[in-house]
Amino acid sequence: MEDVLSLEMNSHITLELPFLAQSFSISLSSAENHSKSRVRQTNAQLRIDIPREWVRDWANNALVGFDFMAESSDGEPLRIVIEKDFPCEHGPDGKSVAGLPTKMD
């Protein structure tokens, strides 16, 4: 949830994904001047721009995520899905970390 709060407060987050020879990053930014969503790729970076209204108070509401259609580099439709990353409720043994009964218990 801290990424959601950071996006809401700073209007930008970046996730670095290290690979063998070079890293790849995904950046998500929101701004009032983004009237619609947009996806761009440059070398080893995927940048996703979304309207500010999508993330306003997102950390405090029940909305899990949102999605939109973009166009891939070869012109094919590409569905982009952005969701909150919830803390894990289960330990390695499948039991509830908090000690509360869950559907898995």
PDB file of N, CA and C in Angstrom:
ATOM      1  N   MET A   1       0.818  -1.194   0.000  1.00  0.00           N
ATOM      2  CA  MET A   1       0.000   0.000   0.000  1.00  0.00           C
ATOM      3  C   MET A   1       0.859   1.254   0.000  1.00  0.00           C
ATOM      4  N   GLU A   2       2.133   1.138   0.393  1.00  0.00           N
ATOM      5  CA  GLU A   2       2.955   2.338   0.427  1.00  0.00           C
ATOM      6  C   GLU A   2       3.183   2.893  -0.973  1.00  0.00           C
ATOM      7  N   ASP A   3       3.210   2.030  -1.996  1.00  0.00           N
ATOM      8  CA  ASP A   3       3.330   2.523  -3.370  1.00  0.00           C
ATOM      9  C   ASP A   3       2.110   3.340  -3.763  1.00  0.00           C
ATOM     10  N   VAL A   4       0.935   2.906  -3.338  1.00  0.00           N
ATOM     11  CA  VAL A   4      -0.298   3.636  -3.645  1.00  0.00           C
ATOM     12  C   VAL A   4      -0.269   5.001  -2.970  1.00  0.00           C
ATOM     13  N   LEU A   5       0.161   5.047  -1.718  1.00  0.00           N
ATOM     14  CA  LEU A   5       0.276   6.328  -1.009  1.00  0.00           C
ATOM     15  C   LEU A   5       1.309   7.227  -1.676  1.00  0.00           C
ATOM     16  N   SER A   6       2.428   6.660  -2.083  1.00  0.00           N
ATOM     17  CA  SER A   6       3.470   7.438  -2.756  1.00  0.00           C
ATOM     18  C   SER A   6       2.967   8.001  -4.077  1.00  0.00           C
ATOM     19  N   LEU A   7       2.233   7.203  -4.823  1.00  0.00           N
ATOM     20  CA  LEU A   7       1.666   7.676  -6.087  1.00  0.00           C
ATOM     21  C   LEU A   7       0.684   8.812  -5.840  1.00  0.00           C
ATOM     22  N   GLU A   8      -0.127   8.665  -4.801  1.00  0.00           N
ATOM     23  CA  GLU A   8      -1.110   9.697  -4.484  1.00  0.00           C
ATOM     24  C   GLU A   8      -0.431  10.993  -4.037  1.00  0.00           C
ATOM     25  N   MET A   9       0.631  10.884  -3.235  1.00  0.00           N
ATOM     26  CA  MET A   9       1.287  12.075  -2.691  1.00  0.00           C
ATOM     27  C   MET A   9       2.293  12.697  -3.662  1.00  0.00           C
ATOM     28  N   ASN A  10       3.029  11.868  -4.400  1.00  0.00           N
ATOM     29  CA  ASN A  10       4.111  12.359  -5.254  1.00  0.00           C
ATOM     30  C   ASN A  10       3.788  12.319  -6.742  1.00  0.00           C
ATOM     31  N   SER A  11       2.664  11.730  -7.096  1.00  0.00           N
ATOM     32  CA  SER A  11       2.213  11.611  -8.489  1.00  0.00           C
ATOM     33  C   SER A  11       3.111  10.759  -9.365  1.00  0.00           C
ATOM     34  N   HIS A  12       4.022   9.972  -8.743  1.00  0.00           N
ATOM     35  CA  HIS A  12       4.935   9.176  -9.561  1.00  0.00           C
ATOM     36  C   HIS A  12       5.548   8.052  -8.731  1.00  0.00           C
ATOM     37  N   ILE A  13       5.634   6.867  -9.296  1.00  0.00           N
ATOM     38  CA  ILE A  13       6.394   5.765  -8.709  1.00  0.00           C
ATOM     39  C   ILE A  13       7.116   5.032  -9.835  1.00  0.00           C
ATOM     40  N   THR A  14       8.238   4.416  -9.493  1.00  0.00           N
ATOM     41  CA  THR A  14       9.004   3.637 -10.462  1.00  0.00           C
ATOM     42  C   THR A  14       9.405   2.319  -9.821  1.00  0.00           C
ATOM     43  N   LEU A  15       9.253   1.254 -10.571  1.00  0.00           N
ATOM     44  CA  LEU A  15       9.644  -0.079 -10.133  1.00  0.00           C
ATOM     45  C   LEU A  15      10.795  -0.530 -11.023  1.00  0.00           C
ATOM     46  N   GLU A  16      11.929  -0.851 -10.412  1.00  0.00           N
ATOM     47  CA  GLU A  16      13.097  -1.336 -11.153  1.00  0.00           C
ATOM     48  C   GLU A  16      13.107  -2.850 -11.129  1.00  0.00           C
ATOM     49  N   LEU A  17      13.241  -3.468 -12.290  1.00  0.00           N
ATOM     50  CA  LEU A  17      13.301  -4.922 -12.412  1.00  0.00           C
ATOM     51  C   LEU A  17      14.663  -5.316 -12.969  1.00  0.00           C
ATOM     52  N   PRO A  18      15.567  -5.810 -12.125  1.00  0.00           N
ATOM     53  CA  PRO A  18      16.903  -6.175 -12.614  1.00  0.00           C
ATOM     54  C   PRO A  18      16.854  -7.462 -13.442  1.00  0.00           C
ATOM     55  N   PHE A  19      17.473  -7.406 -14.590  1.00  0.00           N
ATOM     56  CA  PHE A  19      17.592  -8.587 -15.445  1.00  0.00           C
ATOM     57  C   PHE A  19      19.066  -8.911 -15.622  1.00  0.00           C
ATOM     58  N   LEU A  20      19.373  -9.878 -16.458  1.00  0.00           N
ATOM     59  CA  LEU A  20      20.755 -10.319 -16.616  1.00  0.00           C
ATOM     60  C   LEU A  20      21.708  -9.194 -17.002  1.00  0.00           C
ATOM     61  N   ALA A  21      21.543  -8.623 -18.173  1.00  0.00           N
ATOM     62  CA  ALA A  21      22.492  -7.626 -18.652  1.00  0.00           C
ATOM     63  C   ALA A  21      22.056  -6.189 -18.375  1.00  0.00           C
ATOM     64  N   GLN A  22      20.785  -5.968 -18.208  1.00  0.00           N
ATOM     65  CA  GLN A  22      20.321  -4.602 -17.979  1.00  0.00           C
ATOM     66  C   GLN A  22      19.015  -4.635 -17.210  1.00  0.00           C
ATOM     67  N   SER A  23      18.736  -3.573 -16.490  1.00  0.00           N
ATOM     68  CA  SER A  23      17.493  -3.537 -15.732  1.00  0.00           C
ATOM     69  C   SER A  23      16.374  -2.945 -16.586  1.00  0.00           C
ATOM     70  N   PHE A  24      15.159  -3.206 -16.182  1.00  0.00           N
ATOM     71  CA  PHE A  24      13.969  -2.711 -16.853  1.00  0.00           C
ATOM     72  C   PHE A  24      13.151  -1.984 -15.806  1.00  0.00           C
ATOM     73  N   SER A  25      12.576  -0.846 -16.154  1.00  0.00           N
ATOM     74  CA  SER A  25      11.774  -0.124 -15.174  1.00  0.00           C
ATOM     75  C   SER A  25      10.381   0.156 -15.711  1.00  0.00           C
ATOM     76  N   ILE A  26       9.452   0.201 -14.768  1.00  0.00           N
ATOM     77  CA  ILE A  26       8.074   0.562 -15.066  1.00  0.00           C
ATOM     78  C   ILE A  26       7.760   1.790 -14.231  1.00  0.00           C
ATOM     79  N   SER A  27       7.366   2.872 -14.883  1.00  0.00           N
ATOM     80  CA  SER A  27       7.018   4.109 -14.186  1.00  0.00           C
ATOM     81  C   SER A  27       5.533   4.371 -14.340  1.00  0.00           C
ATOM     82  N   LEU A  28       4.923   4.769 -13.252  1.00  0.00           N
ATOM     83  CA  LEU A  28       3.506   5.120 -13.245  1.00  0.00           C
ATOM     84  C   LEU A  28       3.401   6.550 -12.737  1.00  0.00           C
ATOM     85  N   SER A  29       2.783   7.418 -13.531  1.00  0.00           N
ATOM     86  CA  SER A  29       2.630   8.806 -13.101  1.00  0.00           C
ATOM     87  C   SER A  29       1.192   9.255 -13.307  1.00  0.00           C
ATOM     88  N   SER A  30       0.776  10.162 -12.433  1.00  0.00           N
ATOM     89  CA  SER A  30      -0.558  10.734 -12.551  1.00  0.00           C
ATOM     90  C   SER A  30      -0.426  12.246 -12.510  1.00  0.00           C
ATOM     91  N   ALA A  31      -1.273  12.918 -13.255  1.00  0.00           N
ATOM     92  CA  ALA A  31      -1.240  14.378 -13.272  1.00  0.00           C
ATOM     93  C   ALA A  31      -2.599  14.906 -13.704  1.00  0.00           C
ATOM     94  N   GLU A  32      -2.888  16.105 -13.262  1.00  0.00           N
ATOM     95  CA  GLU A  32      -4.147  16.761 -13.627  1.00  0.00           C
ATOM     96  C   GLU A  32      -4.253  16.929 -15.143  1.00  0.00           C
ATOM     97  N   ASN A  33      -3.107  17.142 -15.816  1.00  0.00           N
ATOM     98  CA  ASN A  33      -3.155  17.378 -17.262  1.00  0.00           C
ATOM     99  C   ASN A  33      -3.230  16.103 -18.095  1.00  0.00           C
ATOM    100  N   HIS A  34      -3.224  14.931 -17.444  1.00  0.00           N
ATOM    101  CA  HIS A  34      -3.442  13.674 -18.166  1.00  0.00           C
ATOM    102  C   HIS A  34      -4.954  13.472 -18.263  1.00  0.00           C
ATOM    103  N   SER A  35      -5.527  13.816 -19.411  1.00  0.00           N
ATOM    104  CA  SER A  35      -6.979  13.663 -19.556  1.00  0.00           C
ATOM    105  C   SER A  35      -7.372  12.217 -19.847  1.00  0.00           C
ATOM    106  N   LYS A  36      -6.426  11.434 -20.354  1.00  0.00           N
ATOM    107  CA  LYS A  36      -6.668  10.018 -20.579  1.00  0.00           C
ATOM    108  C   LYS A  36      -5.370   9.256 -20.339  1.00  0.00           C
ATOM    109  N   SER A  37      -5.465   7.953 -20.272  1.00  0.00           N
ATOM    110  CA  SER A  37      -4.297   7.130 -20.019  1.00  0.00           C
ATOM    111  C   SER A  37      -3.443   7.007 -21.278  1.00  0.00           C
ATOM    112  N   ARG A  38      -2.149   6.757 -21.051  1.00  0.00           N
ATOM    113  CA  ARG A  38      -1.213   6.648 -22.161  1.00  0.00           C
ATOM    114  C   ARG A  38      -0.043   5.757 -21.757  1.00  0.00           C
ATOM    115  N   VAL A  39       0.462   4.958 -22.680  1.00  0.00           N
ATOM    116  CA  VAL A  39       1.600   4.070 -22.434  1.00  0.00           C
ATOM    117  C   VAL A  39       2.677   4.375 -23.466  1.00  0.00           C
ATOM    118  N   ARG A  40       3.917   4.486 -22.968  1.00  0.00           N
ATOM    119  CA  ARG A  40       5.059   4.710 -23.860  1.00  0.00           C
ATOM    120  C   ARG A  40       6.195   3.793 -23.445  1.00  0.00           C
ATOM    121  N   GLN A  41       6.956   3.335 -24.418  1.00  0.00           N
ATOM    122  CA  GLN A  41       8.125   2.526 -24.124  1.00  0.00           C
ATOM    123  C   GLN A  41       9.343   3.153 -24.778  1.00  0.00           C
ATOM    124  N   THR A  42      10.408   3.293 -24.000  1.00  0.00           N
ATOM    125  CA  THR A  42      11.682   3.755 -24.524  1.00  0.00           C
ATOM    126  C   THR A  42      12.756   2.847 -23.970  1.00  0.00           C
ATOM    127  N   ASN A  43      13.490   2.206 -24.852  1.00  0.00           N
ATOM    128  CA  ASN A  43      14.541   1.269 -24.463  1.00  0.00           C
ATOM    129  C   ASN A  43      14.055   0.329 -23.368  1.00  0.00           C
ATOM    130  N   ALA A  44      14.584   0.470 -22.165  1.00  0.00           N
ATOM    131  CA  ALA A  44      14.253  -0.456 -21.082  1.00  0.00           C
ATOM    132  C   ALA A  44      13.310   0.172 -20.061  1.00  0.00           C
ATOM    133  N   GLN A  45      12.427   1.055 -20.515  1.00  0.00           N
ATOM    134  CA  GLN A  45      11.468   1.676 -19.598  1.00  0.00           C
ATOM    135  C   GLN A  45      10.073   1.677 -20.221  1.00  0.00           C
ATOM    136  N   LEU A  46       9.109   1.288 -19.390  1.00  0.00           N
ATOM    137  CA  LEU A  46       7.703   1.378 -19.751  1.00  0.00           C
ATOM    138  C   LEU A  46       7.119   2.482 -18.880  1.00  0.00           C
ATOM    139  N   ARG A  47       6.562   3.494 -19.504  1.00  0.00           N
ATOM    140  CA  ARG A  47       5.992   4.621 -18.754  1.00  0.00           C
ATOM    141  C   ARG A  47       4.481   4.635 -18.974  1.00  0.00           C
ATOM    142  N   ILE A  48       3.743   4.659 -17.876  1.00  0.00           N
ATOM    143  CA  ILE A  48       2.284   4.677 -17.925  1.00  0.00           C
ATOM    144  C   ILE A  48       1.809   5.967 -17.277  1.00  0.00           C
ATOM    145  N   ASP A  49       1.096   6.776 -18.033  1.00  0.00           N
ATOM    146  CA  ASP A  49       0.532   8.034 -17.532  1.00  0.00           C
ATOM    147  C   ASP A  49      -0.967   7.851 -17.377  1.00  0.00           C
ATOM    148  N   ILE A  50      -1.484   8.240 -16.224  1.00  0.00           N
ATOM    149  CA  ILE A  50      -2.914   8.103 -15.952  1.00  0.00           C
ATOM    150  C   ILE A  50      -3.470   9.405 -15.385  1.00  0.00           C
ATOM    151  N   PRO A  51      -4.770   9.625 -15.530  1.00  0.00           N
ATOM    152  CA  PRO A  51      -5.383  10.828 -14.953  1.00  0.00           C
ATOM    153  C   PRO A  51      -5.261  10.849 -13.422  1.00  0.00           C
ATOM    154  N   ARG A  52      -5.023  12.004 -12.873  1.00  0.00           N
ATOM    155  CA  ARG A  52      -4.868  12.171 -11.421  1.00  0.00           C
ATOM    156  C   ARG A  52      -6.106  11.702 -10.658  1.00  0.00           C
ATOM    157  N   GLU A  53      -7.270  11.919 -11.232  1.00  0.00           N
ATOM    158  CA  GLU A  53      -8.517  11.540 -10.550  1.00  0.00           C
ATOM    159  C   GLU A  53      -8.589  10.048 -10.277  1.00  0.00           C
ATOM    160  N   TRP A  54      -7.883   9.212 -11.049  1.00  0.00           N
ATOM    161  CA  TRP A  54      -7.913   7.773 -10.840  1.00  0.00           C
ATOM    162  C   TRP A  54      -7.289   7.377  -9.496  1.00  0.00           C
ATOM    163  N   VAL A  55      -6.267   8.109  -9.048  1.00  0.00           N
ATOM    164  CA  VAL A  55      -5.551   7.718  -7.830  1.00  0.00           C
ATOM    165  C   VAL A  55      -5.886   8.581  -6.623  1.00  0.00           C
ATOM    166  N   ARG A  56      -6.688   9.599  -6.821  1.00  0.00           N
ATOM    167  CA  ARG A  56      -7.063  10.454  -5.699  1.00  0.00           C
ATOM    168  C   ARG A  56      -7.797   9.628  -4.647  1.00  0.00           C
ATOM    169  N   ASP A  57      -7.259   9.550  -3.449  1.00  0.00           N
ATOM    170  CA  ASP A  57      -7.813   8.809  -2.317  1.00  0.00           C
ATOM    171  C   ASP A  57      -7.876   7.293  -2.569  1.00  0.00           C
ATOM    172  N   TRP A  58      -7.099   6.785  -3.506  1.00  0.00           N
ATOM    173  CA  TRP A  58      -7.100   5.364  -3.844  1.00  0.00           C
ATOM    174  C   TRP A  58      -6.640   4.507  -2.658  1.00  0.00           C
ATOM    175  N   ALA A  59      -5.692   5.009  -1.869  1.00  0.00           N
ATOM    176  CA  ALA A  59      -5.179   4.237  -0.735  1.00  0.00           C
ATOM    177  C   ALA A  59      -6.252   4.004   0.326  1.00  0.00           C
ATOM    178  N   ASN A  60      -7.266   4.856   0.359  1.00  0.00           N
ATOM    179  CA  ASN A  60      -8.279   4.777   1.414  1.00  0.00           C
ATOM    180  C   ASN A  60      -9.630   4.248   0.952  1.00  0.00           C
ATOM    181  N   ASN A  61      -9.754   3.895  -0.317  1.00  0.00           N
ATOM    182  CA  ASN A  61     -11.054   3.399  -0.770  1.00  0.00           C
ATOM    183  C   ASN A  61     -10.975   1.913  -1.132  1.00  0.00           C
ATOM    184  N   ALA A  62     -12.105   1.337  -1.456  1.00  0.00           N
ATOM    185  CA  ALA A  62     -12.197  -0.104  -1.713  1.00  0.00           C
ATOM    186  C   ALA A  62     -11.830  -0.496  -3.148  1.00  0.00           C
ATOM    187  N   LEU A  63     -11.562   0.474  -4.004  1.00  0.00           N
ATOM    188  CA  LEU A  63     -11.206   0.181  -5.390  1.00  0.00           C
ATOM    189  C   LEU A  63      -9.879  -0.575  -5.438  1.00  0.00           C
ATOM    190  N   VAL A  64      -9.888  -1.780  -5.987  1.00  0.00           N
ATOM    191  CA  VAL A  64      -8.681  -2.591  -6.064  1.00  0.00           C
ATOM    192  C   VAL A  64      -7.766  -2.097  -7.177  1.00  0.00           C
ATOM    193  N   GLY A  65      -8.324  -1.728  -8.309  1.00  0.00           N
ATOM    194  CA  GLY A  65      -7.490  -1.285  -9.419  1.00  0.00           C
ATOM    195  C   GLY A  65      -8.325  -0.768 -10.562  1.00  0.00           C
ATOM    196  N   PHE A  66      -7.660  -0.541 -11.675  1.00  0.00           N
ATOM    197  CA  PHE A  66      -8.339  -0.064 -12.872  1.00  0.00           C
ATOM    198  C   PHE A  66      -7.583  -0.598 -14.081  1.00  0.00           C
ATOM    199  N   ASP A  67      -8.245  -0.565 -15.216  1.00  0.00           N
ATOM    200  CA  ASP A  67      -7.614  -1.037 -16.439  1.00  0.00           C
ATOM    201  C   ASP A  67      -8.044  -0.159 -17.602  1.00  0.00           C
ATOM    202  N   PHE A  68      -7.277  -0.224 -18.669  1.00  0.00           N
ATOM    203  CA  PHE A  68      -7.599   0.518 -19.878  1.00  0.00           C
ATOM    204  C   PHE A  68      -6.931  -0.166 -21.063  1.00  0.00           C
ATOM    205  N   MET A  69      -7.380   0.157 -22.237  1.00  0.00           N
ATOM    206  CA  MET A  69      -6.820  -0.406 -23.456  1.00  0.00           C
ATOM    207  C   MET A  69      -5.829   0.572 -24.055  1.00  0.00           C
ATOM    208  N   ALA A  70      -4.694   0.041 -24.486  1.00  0.00           N
ATOM    209  CA  ALA A  70      -3.669   0.820 -25.179  1.00  0.00           C
ATOM    210  C   ALA A  70      -3.370   0.085 -26.483  1.00  0.00           C
ATOM    211  N   GLU A  71      -2.496   0.649 -27.261  1.00  0.00           N
ATOM    212  CA  GLU A  71      -2.118   0.020 -28.517  1.00  0.00           C
ATOM    213  C   GLU A  71      -0.658  -0.391 -28.437  1.00  0.00           C
ATOM    214  N   SER A  72      -0.364  -1.640 -28.792  1.00  0.00           N
ATOM    215  CA  SER A  72       1.018  -2.114 -28.774  1.00  0.00           C
ATOM    216  C   SER A  72       1.777  -1.529 -29.958  1.00  0.00           C
ATOM    217  N   SER A  73       3.093  -1.742 -29.970  1.00  0.00           N
ATOM    218  CA  SER A  73       3.916  -1.183 -31.048  1.00  0.00           C
ATOM    219  C   SER A  73       3.551  -1.742 -32.418  1.00  0.00           C
ATOM    220  N   ASP A  74       2.947  -2.926 -32.458  1.00  0.00           N
ATOM    221  CA  ASP A  74       2.527  -3.486 -33.747  1.00  0.00           C
ATOM    222  C   ASP A  74       1.050  -3.219 -34.047  1.00  0.00           C
ATOM    223  N   GLY A  75       0.451  -2.315 -33.264  1.00  0.00           N
ATOM    224  CA  GLY A  75      -0.924  -1.902 -33.534  1.00  0.00           C
ATOM    225  C   GLY A  75      -2.003  -2.772 -32.908  1.00  0.00           C
ATOM    226  N   GLU A  76      -1.592  -3.803 -32.201  1.00  0.00           N
ATOM    227  CA  GLU A  76      -2.552  -4.698 -31.553  1.00  0.00           C
ATOM    228  C   GLU A  76      -3.043  -4.083 -30.243  1.00  0.00           C
ATOM    229  N   PRO A  77      -4.294  -4.390 -29.846  1.00  0.00           N
ATOM    230  CA  PRO A  77      -4.785  -3.885 -28.558  1.00  0.00           C
ATOM    231  C   PRO A  77      -4.019  -4.521 -27.393  1.00  0.00           C
ATOM    232  N   LEU A  78      -3.759  -3.722 -26.389  1.00  0.00           N
ATOM    233  CA  LEU A  78      -3.024  -4.159 -25.214  1.00  0.00           C
ATOM    234  C   LEU A  78      -3.769  -3.687 -23.978  1.00  0.00           C
ATOM    235  N   ARG A  79      -4.183  -4.616 -23.136  1.00  0.00           N
ATOM    236  CA  ARG A  79      -4.916  -4.261 -21.916  1.00  0.00           C
ATOM    237  C   ARG A  79      -3.916  -4.024 -20.788  1.00  0.00           C
ATOM    238  N   ILE A  80      -3.960  -2.856 -20.183  1.00  0.00           N
ATOM    239  CA  ILE A  80      -3.103  -2.497 -19.056  1.00  0.00           C
ATOM    240  C   ILE A  80      -3.951  -2.578 -17.787  1.00  0.00           C
ATOM    241  N   VAL A  81      -3.479  -3.332 -16.797  1.00  0.00           N
ATOM    242  CA  VAL A  81      -4.188  -3.486 -15.526  1.00  0.00           C
ATOM    243  C   VAL A  81      -3.261  -3.013 -14.407  1.00  0.00           C
ATOM    244  N   ILE A  82      -3.756  -2.127 -13.564  1.00  0.00           N
ATOM    245  CA  ILE A  82      -2.997  -1.605 -12.423  1.00  0.00           C
ATOM    246  C   ILE A  82      -3.812  -1.904 -11.179  1.00  0.00           C
ATOM    247  N   GLU A  83      -3.195  -2.614 -10.228  1.00  0.00           N
ATOM    248  CA  GLU A  83      -3.897  -2.999  -9.008  1.00  0.00           C
ATOM    249  C   GLU A  83      -3.057  -2.692  -7.783  1.00  0.00           C
ATOM    250  N   LYS A  84      -3.736  -2.518  -6.659  1.00  0.00           N
ATOM    251  CA  LYS A  84      -3.056  -2.333  -5.384  1.00  0.00           C
ATOM    252  C   LYS A  84      -2.310  -3.614  -5.038  1.00  0.00           C
ATOM    253  N   ASP A  85      -1.199  -3.477  -4.333  1.00  0.00           N
ATOM    254  CA  ASP A  85      -0.439  -4.617  -3.841  1.00  0.00           C
ATOM    255  C   ASP A  85      -0.756  -4.757  -2.361  1.00  0.00           C
ATOM    256  N   PHE A  86      -1.596  -5.726  -2.023  1.00  0.00           N
ATOM    257  CA  PHE A  86      -2.006  -5.916  -0.641  1.00  0.00           C
ATOM    258  C   PHE A  86      -0.947  -6.700   0.119  1.00  0.00           C
ATOM    259  N   PRO A  87      -0.778  -6.418   1.410  1.00  0.00           N
ATOM    260  CA  PRO A  87       0.155  -7.218   2.207  1.00  0.00           C
ATOM    261  C   PRO A  87      -0.300  -8.667   2.263  1.00  0.00           C
ATOM    262  N   CYS A  88       0.638  -9.560   2.289  1.00  0.00           N
ATOM    263  CA  CYS A  88       0.328 -10.988   2.348  1.00  0.00           C
ATOM    264  C   CYS A  88      -0.313 -11.317   3.689  1.00  0.00           C
ATOM    265  N   GLU A  89      -1.380 -12.097   3.651  1.00  0.00           N
ATOM    266  CA  GLU A  89      -2.084 -12.487   4.866  1.00  0.00           C
ATOM    267  C   GLU A  89      -1.665 -13.864   5.353  1.00  0.00           C
ATOM    268  N   HIS A  90      -0.858 -14.578   4.576  1.00  0.00           N
ATOM    269  CA  HIS A  90      -0.521 -15.949   4.922  1.00  0.00           C
ATOM    270  C   HIS A  90       0.984 -16.143   4.949  1.00  0.00           C
ATOM    271  N   GLY A  91       1.430 -16.961   5.872  1.00  0.00           N
ATOM    272  CA  GLY A  91       2.831 -17.331   5.948  1.00  0.00           C
ATOM    273  C   GLY A  91       3.112 -18.473   4.991  1.00  0.00           C
ATOM    274  N   PRO A  92       4.349 -18.960   4.994  1.00  0.00           N
ATOM    275  CA  PRO A  92       4.728 -20.054   4.081  1.00  0.00           C
ATOM    276  C   PRO A  92       3.927 -21.325   4.280  1.00  0.00           C
ATOM    277  N   ASP A  93       3.383 -21.524   5.478  1.00  0.00           N
ATOM    278  CA  ASP A  93       2.612 -22.740   5.736  1.00  0.00           C
ATOM    279  C   ASP A  93       1.144 -22.595   5.336  1.00  0.00           C
ATOM    280  N   GLY A  94       0.761 -21.430   4.801  1.00  0.00           N
ATOM    281  CA  GLY A  94      -0.615 -21.213   4.375  1.00  0.00           C
ATOM    282  C   GLY A  94      -1.528 -20.742   5.480  1.00  0.00           C
ATOM    283  N   LYS A  95      -1.016 -20.628   6.692  1.00  0.00           N
ATOM    284  CA  LYS A  95      -1.817 -20.171   7.833  1.00  0.00           C
ATOM    285  C   LYS A  95      -1.793 -18.648   7.918  1.00  0.00           C
ATOM    286  N   SER A  96      -2.803 -18.097   8.508  1.00  0.00           N
ATOM    287  CA  SER A  96      -2.915 -16.658   8.660  1.00  0.00           C
ATOM    288  C   SER A  96      -1.777 -16.110   9.518  1.00  0.00           C
ATOM    289  N   VAL A  97      -1.099 -15.084   9.022  1.00  0.00           N
ATOM    290  CA  VAL A  97      -0.010 -14.453   9.759  1.00  0.00           C
ATOM    291  C   VAL A  97      -0.552 -13.752  11.002  1.00  0.00           C
ATOM    292  N   ALA A  98      -1.702 -13.146  10.883  1.00  0.00           N
ATOM    293  CA  ALA A  98      -2.295 -12.396  11.998  1.00  0.00           C
ATOM    294  C   ALA A  98      -2.957 -13.302  13.025  1.00  0.00           C
ATOM    295  N   GLY A  99      -3.027 -14.597  12.756  1.00  0.00           N
ATOM    296  CA  GLY A  99      -3.673 -15.516  13.684  1.00  0.00           C
ATOM    297  C   GLY A  99      -5.178 -15.541  13.571  1.00  0.00           C
ATOM    298  N   LEU A 100      -5.703 -14.835  12.580  1.00  0.00           N
ATOM    299  CA  LEU A 100      -7.145 -14.795  12.379  1.00  0.00           C
ATOM    300  C   LEU A 100      -7.547 -15.878  11.386  1.00  0.00           C
ATOM    301  N   PRO A 101      -8.714 -16.451  11.558  1.00  0.00           N
ATOM    302  CA  PRO A 101      -9.148 -17.472  10.589  1.00  0.00           C
ATOM    303  C   PRO A 101      -9.378 -16.839   9.227  1.00  0.00           C
ATOM    304  N   THR A 102      -8.989 -17.560   8.202  1.00  0.00           N
ATOM    305  CA  THR A 102      -9.186 -17.097   6.816  1.00  0.00           C
ATOM    306  C   THR A 102      -9.791 -18.228   6.014  1.00  0.00           C
ATOM    307  N   LYS A 103     -10.093 -17.974   4.765  1.00  0.00           N
ATOM    308  CA  LYS A 103     -10.681 -18.998   3.907  1.00  0.00           C
ATOM    309  C   LYS A 103      -9.717 -20.170   3.712  1.00  0.00           C
ATOM    310  N   MET A 104      -8.398 -19.902   3.804  1.00  0.00           N
ATOM    311  CA  MET A 104      -7.433 -20.968   3.614  1.00  0.00           C
ATOM    312  C   MET A 104      -7.272 -21.838   4.857  1.00  0.00           C
ATOM    313  N   ASP A 105      -7.619 -21.323   6.066  1.00  0.00           N
ATOM    314  CA  ASP A 105      -7.419 -22.064   7.317  1.00  0.00           C
ATOM    315  C   ASP A 105      -8.443 -23.176   7.468  1.00  0.00           C
TER     316      ASP A 105
END
